Amino acid sequence: MYVDQELVDAVRYVPIDALKGYRRHARKHSKRQRRTMERMLREFGFLMPVLIDGECNVVAGHLRMAAANGLGYTKVPTIQVTHLTSEQVRALRIADNRLAELGEWDREALAREFQDLIEIDYDVEMTGFEAAEIDMVIEEFFEPVAENGADDVPAAEQEIVSMLGDLWLLDEHAVYCGDARDSTCYAALMRGRRAQMMISDPPYNVRVAGNVSGLGKVKHGEFVMASGEMSETEFEAFLTDYIKNVVAYSEPGSVHYHFIDWRHLNVLERVCHKFYDAQLNLCVWVKSNGGMGSFYRSRHELVLVFRNGPGPHINNVKLGSFGRNRTNVWEYDGCSTGTKDRRTDLALHPTVKPAEMIADAIKDASKRGGLILDPFLGSGTTVIACEMTGRRCVGMELDPKYVDVIVRRWQAYTGGEAVHAETGLTFAQIGDMRAGKLLLAAPADGEA
């Protein structure tokens, strides 16, 4: 490799205390820029020397010098530009900052670079872009949109394939058939990992009949638990059991979203305040029209938002700084909307959430490649939302019937094949085997 020896010889390490910032430096640097530069110095090292004049006044590199000082550097590489006149030095200070502003990004090329870095699990924010900016650039060119089948839910088959204890691998996602109250189920699902964000839509301890299913054609059975049969004390214990698990299997600072209805908001709040460090907000999902309800028809659901543990949480909204103009009022169609597609969704699961709504929440508080935990997957909307946003879903569902729905929904949306983690067989092969249609080959003579 060619090395410009003259340039190498020109580099001198100078005590950082000897460097003097230019008192009329025209470029201001934010705290965010300084933090980003500190991260880059830790990751890449000090690769670009500070330009100084003959009296150690900084010509170019004020931000690098400030970040190095913050990291405890005692010396930094410098190059003296003593061949320049004082007028040229002044002009160079301005030009060095101005030239970068005159260029523009090839956004498609940038999106491809981001995608490549994400695919190899590299921290793409080392580029200096924030998570919300990265999402926006990639979505311009590569992201599927919610209208392209994201809300299509396949019908449950008569023959159920999944069984309790099954772990299905859906490319980057994992779905476990198990109980959200049981810590051993989380151990099997998470496999030593912790979630970057959690979103849950537990049963509300409200009977489906009369509250979700009405007098029309759409009828549903009750949920396998917390479907109106629990007392308030029992429901509080149910919430406690699952929340202590999602807290234990999530990163400190992770944002947790809990859907609930107005009847049990007080119970959920009481439990959440036992486990979380801070409540971040209370969001309201406002639907386009009302569903079932007593006295007043229900047109909203509530979403409690908490921070798990100490430390900062991921905030990709930042008051719209990067184009995410979000409020705590979420306006999305509900399944009672009179469109054919939404009626179909409601016929297949009593509490289907719009994929676009869940995708937006995920983008608010996680990064690409991040692990998103959902202990009550239901029809699998969180899996689809993670697929849409470049995140990885780890989810759980107790009812084998709905585990099948989740797997088939993901397969229909992506064209992929789910694989049984223990056997390596596909979902279709496991279905045939459990129906007695597939016989596994016996080992050959001499094989164990």
Protein backbone atom coordinates (compact mmCIF):
# COMPACT_ATOMS: atom_id res chain seq x y z
CA MET A 1 0.00 0.00 0.00
CA TYR A 2 1.33 3.44 -0.96
CA VAL A 3 2.04 5.76 1.95
CA ASP A 4 2.77 9.45 1.44
CA GLN A 5 5.89 9.61 3.60
CA GLU A 6 5.99 13.39 3.41
CA LEU A 7 2.50 13.53 4.88
CA VAL A 8 3.39 11.00 7.58
CA ASP A 9 6.46 13.02 8.51
CA ALA A 10 4.30 16.14 8.75
CA VAL A 11 2.10 14.65 11.49
CA ARG A 12 3.13 15.65 14.99
CA TYR A 13 1.49 14.63 18.24
CA VAL A 14 0.94 17.72 20.34
CA PRO A 15 -0.32 17.94 23.95
CA ILE A 16 -4.01 18.77 23.74
CA ASP A 17 -3.62 21.47 26.38
CA ALA A 18 -1.25 23.31 24.04
CA LEU A 19 -3.88 23.69 21.32
CA LYS A 20 -5.85 26.90 21.19
CA GLY A 21 -9.31 27.12 19.67
CA TYR A 22 -9.97 30.08 17.41
CA ARG A 23 -11.98 32.59 19.43
CA ARG A 24 -14.08 33.64 16.43
CA HIS A 25 -14.69 30.13 15.13
CA ALA A 26 -17.85 30.56 13.05
CA ARG A 27 -19.08 26.96 13.17
CA LYS A 28 -21.16 26.00 16.20
CA HIS A 29 -21.30 22.38 17.32
CA SER A 30 -24.24 20.88 19.21
CA LYS A 31 -24.03 18.45 22.10
CA ARG A 32 -25.31 15.78 19.72
CA GLN A 33 -22.41 16.42 17.31
CA ARG A 34 -19.90 16.21 20.11
CA ARG A 35 -21.38 12.94 21.43
CA THR A 36 -21.34 11.51 17.91
CA MET A 37 -17.72 12.52 17.38
CA GLU A 38 -16.76 10.94 20.70
CA ARG A 39 -18.37 7.68 19.57
CA MET A 40 -16.50 7.85 16.26
CA LEU A 41 -13.16 8.44 17.99
CA ARG A 42 -13.77 5.43 20.23
CA GLU A 43 -14.73 3.30 17.23
CA PHE A 44 -12.26 4.42 14.56
CA GLY A 45 -9.49 6.21 16.44
CA PHE A 46 -8.15 9.69 15.73
CA LEU A 47 -7.65 9.36 11.96
CA MET A 48 -7.79 12.98 10.75
CA PRO A 49 -5.13 15.26 12.24
CA VAL A 50 -6.04 18.69 13.53
CA LEU A 51 -4.72 21.48 11.32
CA ILE A 52 -2.86 24.16 13.30
CA ASP A 53 -0.82 27.25 12.56
CA GLY A 54 2.68 27.92 13.84
CA GLU A 55 1.37 29.07 17.23
CA CYS A 56 -0.85 26.01 17.82
CA ASN A 57 -4.05 27.86 16.95
CA VAL A 58 -6.57 25.40 15.51
CA VAL A 59 -7.33 25.98 11.85
CA ALA A 60 -9.54 22.93 11.23
CA GLY A 61 -10.62 20.25 13.69
CA HIS A 62 -12.31 22.12 16.55
CA LEU A 63 -14.94 19.38 16.99
CA ARG A 64 -12.37 16.57 16.96
CA MET A 65 -10.28 18.44 19.52
CA ALA A 66 -13.28 19.02 21.82
CA ALA A 67 -14.37 15.37 21.59
CA ALA A 68 -10.82 14.13 22.24
CA ASN A 69 -10.60 16.40 25.25
CA GLY A 70 -13.86 14.95 26.56
CA LEU A 71 -12.50 11.43 26.15
CA GLY A 72 -9.35 12.23 28.11
CA TYR A 73 -6.83 12.38 25.26
CA THR A 74 -3.56 13.96 26.35
CA LYS A 75 -2.08 14.27 22.84
CA VAL A 76 -3.63 14.50 19.39
CA PRO A 77 -2.15 14.27 15.86
CA THR A 78 -1.67 17.61 14.15
CA ILE A 79 -0.33 19.06 10.92
CA GLN A 80 1.07 22.57 10.82
CA VAL A 81 0.03 24.73 7.88
CA THR A 82 2.82 27.25 8.23
CA HIS A 83 3.03 27.66 4.46
CA LEU A 84 -0.27 29.57 4.48
CA THR A 85 -0.63 33.29 5.03
CA SER A 86 -2.82 34.54 7.86
CA GLU A 87 -5.46 35.51 5.31
CA GLN A 88 -5.41 32.01 3.80
CA VAL A 89 -5.73 30.46 7.26
CA ARG A 90 -8.85 32.52 7.94
CA ALA A 91 -10.35 31.53 4.60
CA LEU A 92 -9.50 27.86 5.13
CA ARG A 93 -11.29 27.83 8.50
CA ILE A 94 -14.49 28.87 6.79
CA ALA A 95 -14.03 26.79 3.63
CA ASP A 96 -13.35 23.60 5.60
CA ASN A 97 -16.82 23.82 7.14
CA ARG A 98 -18.61 25.25 4.12
CA LEU A 99 -17.52 22.73 1.48
CA ALA A 100 -19.34 19.81 3.13
CA GLU A 101 -22.56 21.84 3.08
CA LEU A 102 -22.39 22.33 -0.67
CA GLY A 103 -22.70 18.64 -1.47
CA GLU A 104 -25.80 16.46 -1.31
CA TRP A 105 -26.45 12.79 -0.63
CA ASP A 106 -27.26 10.20 -3.25
CA ARG A 107 -30.07 8.90 -1.07
CA GLU A 108 -30.51 5.58 -2.86
CA ALA A 109 -26.80 4.81 -2.59
CA LEU A 110 -26.93 5.88 1.06
CA ALA A 111 -29.90 3.60 1.70
CA ARG A 112 -28.03 0.65 0.18
CA GLU A 113 -24.99 1.36 2.36
CA PHE A 114 -27.23 1.46 5.44
CA GLN A 115 -28.86 -1.84 4.44
CA ASP A 116 -25.50 -3.54 3.94
CA LEU A 117 -24.24 -2.40 7.35
CA ILE A 118 -27.46 -3.52 9.04
CA GLU A 119 -27.27 -6.96 7.41
CA ILE A 120 -23.87 -7.59 9.01
CA ASP A 121 -25.17 -6.33 12.39
CA TYR A 122 -22.93 -3.26 12.41
CA ASP A 123 -24.06 -0.30 14.52
CA VAL A 124 -25.23 1.88 11.65
CA GLU A 125 -25.50 4.95 13.90
CA MET A 126 -21.69 5.05 13.82
CA THR A 127 -22.25 6.83 10.50
CA GLY A 128 -23.46 9.89 12.40
CA PHE A 129 -27.08 9.41 11.30
CA GLU A 130 -29.75 8.79 13.93
CA ALA A 131 -32.21 5.89 13.88
CA ALA A 132 -35.15 7.98 12.65
CA GLU A 133 -33.07 9.42 9.79
CA ILE A 134 -31.90 5.94 8.79
CA ASP A 135 -35.49 4.67 8.78
CA MET A 136 -36.61 7.52 6.54
CA VAL A 137 -33.82 7.03 4.00
CA ILE A 138 -34.30 3.26 3.74
CA GLU A 139 -38.08 3.53 3.51
CA GLU A 140 -37.78 5.80 0.48
CA PHE A 141 -36.43 2.92 -1.59
CA PHE A 142 -36.77 -0.49 0.02
CA GLU A 143 -39.57 -0.79 2.53
CA PRO A 144 -42.84 -2.63 1.92
CA VAL A 145 -45.88 -0.53 2.80
CA ALA A 146 -48.79 -1.44 5.02
CA GLU A 147 -51.23 -1.53 2.09
CA ASN A 148 -49.31 -4.41 0.49
CA GLY A 149 -50.96 -7.17 2.48
CA ALA A 150 -49.60 -6.25 5.91
CA ASP A 151 -53.06 -6.39 7.45
CA ASP A 152 -54.16 -9.60 5.70
CA VAL A 153 -54.82 -12.30 8.29
CA PRO A 154 -55.23 -15.89 7.04
CA ALA A 155 -58.08 -18.03 8.30
CA ALA A 156 -57.37 -20.54 11.05
CA GLU A 157 -57.24 -24.09 9.69
CA GLN A 158 -59.31 -26.90 11.15
CA GLU A 159 -56.20 -29.02 11.74
CA ILE A 160 -53.91 -27.22 14.15
CA VAL A 161 -50.19 -27.70 13.50
CA SER A 162 -48.52 -25.92 16.43
CA MET A 163 -48.19 -27.34 19.92
CA LEU A 164 -47.20 -25.88 23.27
CA GLY A 165 -43.41 -25.62 23.41
CA ASP A 166 -42.93 -25.12 19.66
CA LEU A 167 -40.44 -22.45 18.63
CA TRP A 168 -40.84 -21.27 15.05
CA LEU A 169 -38.08 -19.35 13.28
CA LEU A 170 -39.40 -16.91 10.70
CA ASP A 171 -36.10 -15.75 9.19
CA GLU A 172 -35.04 -13.04 11.69
CA HIS A 173 -38.14 -13.46 13.87
CA ALA A 174 -39.03 -16.10 16.46
CA VAL A 175 -42.48 -17.20 17.65
CA TYR A 176 -42.96 -19.42 20.70
CA CYS A 177 -46.13 -21.26 21.65
CA GLY A 178 -46.23 -20.68 25.38
CA ASP A 179 -47.55 -18.82 28.40
CA ALA A 180 -46.52 -15.17 28.90
CA ARG A 181 -46.64 -15.72 32.67
CA ASP A 182 -44.02 -18.49 32.61
CA SER A 183 -40.36 -17.41 32.80
CA THR A 184 -39.18 -20.71 31.28
CA CYS A 185 -41.07 -19.82 28.09
CA TYR A 186 -39.12 -16.56 27.84
CA ALA A 187 -35.85 -18.42 28.33
CA ALA A 188 -36.73 -20.70 25.41
CA LEU A 189 -37.80 -17.77 23.22
CA MET A 190 -35.07 -15.24 24.03
CA ARG A 191 -32.09 -17.65 24.11
CA GLY A 192 -29.91 -15.32 26.14
CA ARG A 193 -31.02 -12.12 24.43
CA ARG A 194 -32.83 -9.06 25.79
CA ALA A 195 -35.37 -6.95 23.96
CA GLN A 196 -34.73 -3.39 22.84
CA MET A 197 -38.46 -2.59 23.02
CA MET A 198 -41.63 -4.34 24.23
CA ILE A 199 -45.19 -3.99 23.00
CA SER A 200 -48.07 -6.01 24.40
CA ASP A 201 -51.77 -6.36 23.77
CA PRO A 202 -52.88 -8.72 26.54
CA PRO A 203 -56.44 -9.94 26.90
CA TYR A 204 -58.35 -7.25 28.81
CA ASN A 205 -60.29 -9.64 31.07
CA VAL A 206 -63.42 -8.71 29.13
CA ARG A 207 -65.68 -11.28 27.53
CA VAL A 208 -65.38 -11.29 23.76
CA ALA A 209 -69.10 -11.96 23.38
CA GLY A 210 -70.97 -8.68 23.72
CA ASN A 211 -67.82 -6.55 23.81
CA VAL A 212 -65.96 -7.49 20.63
CA SER A 213 -68.37 -9.85 18.90
CA GLY A 214 -71.85 -8.39 18.64
CA LEU A 215 -75.09 -9.46 17.02
CA GLY A 216 -73.70 -9.55 13.49
CA LYS A 217 -72.21 -12.34 11.43
CA VAL A 218 -68.77 -12.23 13.06
CA LYS A 219 -68.59 -14.49 16.13
CA HIS A 220 -65.55 -15.42 18.19
CA GLY A 221 -64.75 -17.86 20.93
CA GLU A 222 -63.34 -16.54 24.17
CA PHE A 223 -59.60 -16.14 24.73
CA VAL A 224 -57.84 -19.02 26.48
CA MET A 225 -57.30 -16.82 29.56
CA ALA A 226 -58.25 -13.39 30.97
CA SER A 227 -61.45 -13.34 28.93
CA GLY A 228 -63.75 -12.02 31.64
CA GLU A 229 -63.47 -14.95 34.03
CA MET A 230 -60.99 -13.32 36.44
CA SER A 231 -61.72 -11.17 39.45
CA GLU A 232 -59.84 -7.87 39.69
CA THR A 233 -57.39 -9.48 42.12
CA GLU A 234 -56.81 -12.40 39.76
CA PHE A 235 -56.37 -10.09 36.78
CA GLU A 236 -53.85 -8.01 38.70
CA ALA A 237 -51.91 -11.20 39.46
CA PHE A 238 -52.08 -12.14 35.77
CA LEU A 239 -50.68 -8.75 34.73
CA THR A 240 -48.01 -8.93 37.43
CA ASP A 241 -46.79 -12.32 36.23
CA TYR A 242 -46.29 -11.27 32.62
CA ILE A 243 -44.93 -7.79 33.32
CA LYS A 244 -42.22 -9.03 35.67
CA ASN A 245 -41.07 -11.33 32.86
CA VAL A 246 -40.99 -8.73 30.09
CA VAL A 247 -39.08 -6.41 32.43
CA ALA A 248 -36.51 -9.13 33.15
CA TYR A 249 -36.04 -9.95 29.47
CA SER A 250 -35.69 -6.36 28.21
CA GLU A 251 -32.75 -3.98 28.14
CA PRO A 252 -32.45 -1.18 30.71
CA GLY A 253 -33.99 1.95 29.25
CA SER A 254 -36.24 0.00 26.86
CA VAL A 255 -39.66 1.48 26.14
CA HIS A 256 -42.65 -0.75 26.96
CA TYR A 257 -46.09 -0.23 25.40
CA HIS A 258 -49.13 -1.85 27.06
CA PHE A 259 -52.54 -1.76 25.34
CA ILE A 260 -55.58 -1.77 27.65
CA ASP A 261 -59.22 -0.68 27.71
CA TRP A 262 -60.81 1.92 29.98
CA ARG A 263 -62.24 -0.70 32.36
CA HIS A 264 -58.86 -1.98 33.53
CA LEU A 265 -56.60 1.04 33.08
CA ASN A 266 -56.34 1.53 36.84
CA VAL A 267 -55.31 -2.09 37.44
CA LEU A 268 -52.63 -2.04 34.74
CA GLU A 269 -51.28 1.32 35.94
CA ARG A 270 -51.04 0.00 39.48
CA VAL A 271 -49.00 -3.00 38.35
CA CYS A 272 -46.79 -1.01 35.99
CA HIS A 273 -45.80 1.46 38.69
CA LYS A 274 -44.46 -1.46 40.74
CA PHE A 275 -42.02 -2.54 38.03
CA TYR A 276 -41.04 0.49 35.95
CA ASP A 277 -38.83 3.47 36.68
CA ALA A 278 -40.90 6.06 34.84
CA GLN A 279 -44.13 6.51 32.93
CA LEU A 280 -43.37 8.22 29.63
CA ASN A 281 -46.91 8.85 28.41
CA LEU A 282 -50.45 7.61 27.96
CA CYS A 283 -51.36 7.25 24.29
CA VAL A 284 -54.87 6.93 22.91
CA TRP A 285 -55.69 4.91 19.82
CA VAL A 286 -58.66 6.71 18.24
CA LYS A 287 -60.50 4.55 15.73
CA SER A 288 -62.47 5.83 12.78
CA ASN A 289 -65.77 4.58 14.20
CA GLY A 290 -67.12 2.98 17.36
CA GLY A 291 -67.32 -0.69 18.19
CA MET A 292 -69.21 -2.48 20.93
CA GLY A 293 -69.68 -0.93 24.35
CA SER A 294 -72.11 -0.21 27.16
CA PHE A 295 -73.69 3.27 27.52
CA TYR A 296 -71.14 4.72 25.06
CA ARG A 297 -69.77 2.76 22.11
CA SER A 298 -66.03 2.24 22.41
CA ARG A 299 -64.00 4.16 19.85
CA HIS A 300 -60.62 4.17 21.55
CA GLU A 301 -58.08 2.00 23.32
CA LEU A 302 -55.39 3.17 25.69
CA VAL A 303 -51.66 2.54 25.53
CA LEU A 304 -49.56 2.96 28.66
CA VAL A 305 -45.94 3.81 27.85
CA PHE A 306 -43.24 3.11 30.45
CA ARG A 307 -39.45 3.05 30.61
CA ASN A 308 -37.87 -0.13 31.90
CA GLY A 309 -35.08 0.59 34.37
CA PRO A 310 -32.74 3.55 34.65
CA GLY A 311 -30.91 5.28 31.85
CA PRO A 312 -32.02 7.03 28.67
CA HIS A 313 -34.62 5.51 26.38
CA ILE A 314 -34.50 5.49 22.59
CA ASN A 315 -36.36 8.53 21.31
CA ASN A 316 -36.69 8.69 17.53
CA VAL A 317 -39.46 11.31 17.66
CA LYS A 318 -37.54 14.24 19.19
CA LEU A 319 -40.39 16.66 18.60
CA GLY A 320 -40.32 16.02 14.86
CA SER A 321 -36.62 16.83 14.40
CA PHE A 322 -36.24 14.05 11.82
CA GLY A 323 -39.70 14.13 10.30
CA ARG A 324 -41.50 11.94 12.85
CA ASN A 325 -44.26 14.31 13.91
CA ARG A 326 -45.96 12.11 16.48
CA THR A 327 -48.42 12.84 19.28
CA ASN A 328 -50.03 10.71 21.98
CA VAL A 329 -53.22 10.52 19.91
CA TRP A 330 -52.95 7.69 17.38
CA GLU A 331 -55.57 7.81 14.64
CA TYR A 332 -55.85 4.54 12.71
CA ASP A 333 -58.79 2.52 11.44
CA GLY A 334 -60.10 -0.19 13.72
CA CYS A 335 -61.45 -3.54 12.56
CA SER A 336 -65.03 -2.36 12.95
CA THR A 337 -64.42 -0.05 9.97
CA GLY A 338 -66.88 -1.00 7.27
CA THR A 339 -64.34 -1.96 4.61
CA LYS A 340 -64.31 -5.54 3.36
CA ASP A 341 -60.64 -6.08 4.29
CA ARG A 342 -61.09 -4.85 7.86
CA ARG A 343 -64.23 -6.98 8.32
CA THR A 344 -62.20 -9.96 7.11
CA ASP A 345 -59.48 -9.24 9.67
CA LEU A 346 -62.06 -9.02 12.44
CA ALA A 347 -63.55 -12.33 11.37
CA LEU A 348 -60.17 -14.03 11.86
CA HIS A 349 -59.14 -12.54 15.23
CA PRO A 350 -61.25 -10.48 17.64
CA THR A 351 -58.66 -7.79 18.43
CA VAL A 352 -56.51 -7.30 15.31
CA LYS A 353 -54.38 -4.14 15.45
CA PRO A 354 -53.40 -2.24 12.27
CA ALA A 355 -49.86 -3.10 11.22
CA GLU A 356 -49.13 0.54 10.36
CA MET A 357 -49.95 1.63 13.92
CA ILE A 358 -47.67 -0.97 15.50
CA ALA A 359 -44.94 -0.19 12.95
CA ASP A 360 -45.07 3.50 13.86
CA ALA A 361 -44.74 2.73 17.58
CA ILE A 362 -41.79 0.45 16.84
CA LYS A 363 -40.07 3.17 14.81
CA ASP A 364 -40.59 5.65 17.65
CA ALA A 365 -38.57 3.74 20.24
CA SER A 366 -36.22 1.21 18.62
CA LYS A 367 -33.43 0.91 16.07
CA ARG A 368 -33.11 -1.16 12.92
CA GLY A 369 -32.14 -4.70 13.74
CA GLY A 370 -33.44 -4.24 17.29
CA LEU A 371 -35.23 -7.03 19.12
CA ILE A 372 -38.94 -6.32 19.72
CA LEU A 373 -40.72 -8.46 22.33
CA ASP A 374 -44.46 -9.16 22.19
CA PRO A 375 -45.75 -11.66 24.79
CA PHE A 376 -49.29 -11.75 23.33
CA LEU A 377 -48.86 -12.00 19.57
CA GLY A 378 -52.50 -12.75 18.77
CA SER A 379 -52.77 -12.66 14.98
CA GLY A 380 -49.09 -11.69 14.56
CA THR A 381 -49.34 -8.00 13.73
CA THR A 382 -46.08 -7.25 15.57
CA VAL A 383 -44.23 -9.80 13.43
CA ILE A 384 -45.48 -8.07 10.27
CA ALA A 385 -44.71 -4.61 11.69
CA CYS A 386 -41.15 -5.72 12.47
CA GLU A 387 -40.81 -7.11 8.96
CA MET A 388 -41.97 -3.74 7.60
CA THR A 389 -39.51 -1.74 9.71
CA GLY A 390 -36.36 -3.86 9.66
CA ARG A 391 -36.65 -5.02 13.27
CA ARG A 392 -36.65 -8.57 14.68
CA CYS A 393 -39.72 -9.81 16.52
CA VAL A 394 -39.53 -12.29 19.38
CA GLY A 395 -43.08 -13.14 20.34
CA MET A 396 -45.24 -15.53 22.26
CA GLU A 397 -48.79 -16.82 21.88
CA LEU A 398 -50.48 -19.38 24.10
CA ASP A 399 -53.21 -20.57 21.74
CA PRO A 400 -51.75 -23.00 19.12
CA LYS A 401 -54.53 -22.01 16.72
CA TYR A 402 -53.28 -18.44 16.62
CA VAL A 403 -49.63 -19.52 16.44
CA ASP A 404 -50.60 -21.19 13.17
CA VAL A 405 -52.31 -17.98 12.04
CA ILE A 406 -49.14 -15.99 12.84
CA VAL A 407 -46.90 -18.36 10.90
CA ARG A 408 -49.19 -18.50 7.87
CA ARG A 409 -49.65 -14.73 7.92
CA TRP A 410 -45.89 -14.14 7.85
CA GLN A 411 -45.40 -16.77 5.12
CA ALA A 412 -48.11 -15.18 2.97
CA TYR A 413 -46.67 -11.69 3.47
CA THR A 414 -43.02 -12.53 2.80
CA GLY A 415 -43.08 -15.69 0.70
CA GLY A 416 -40.72 -17.27 3.24
CA GLU A 417 -40.99 -20.60 5.05
CA ALA A 418 -41.10 -20.89 8.81
CA VAL A 419 -38.76 -23.50 10.30
CA HIS A 420 -39.27 -25.54 13.46
CA ALA A 421 -36.30 -24.69 15.69
CA GLU A 422 -35.91 -28.14 17.24
CA THR A 423 -36.28 -30.32 14.13
CA GLY A 424 -35.27 -28.00 11.30
CA LEU A 425 -38.42 -29.00 9.42
CA THR A 426 -40.64 -26.46 7.70
CA PHE A 427 -44.09 -25.55 8.99
CA ALA A 428 -45.67 -27.53 6.16
CA GLN A 429 -43.54 -30.61 6.92
CA ILE A 430 -44.39 -30.46 10.63
CA GLY A 431 -48.06 -30.18 9.68
CA ASP A 432 -47.85 -33.26 7.48
CA MET A 433 -45.89 -35.18 10.11
CA ARG A 434 -48.35 -34.42 12.89
CA ALA A 435 -51.24 -35.29 10.61
CA GLY A 436 -49.58 -38.63 9.86
CA LYS A 437 -48.85 -37.71 6.24
CA LEU A 438 -45.06 -37.49 6.58
CA LEU A 439 -42.88 -40.30 7.85
CA LEU A 440 -39.32 -39.36 8.74
CA ALA A 441 -36.74 -41.66 7.18
CA ALA A 442 -35.36 -44.30 9.56
CA PRO A 443 -31.57 -44.19 10.12
CA ALA A 444 -29.55 -46.39 7.79
CA ASP A 445 -27.81 -49.52 9.08
CA GLY A 446 -24.92 -48.65 11.32
CA GLU A 447 -26.19 -45.13 12.06
CA ALA A 448 -27.29 -44.14 15.53
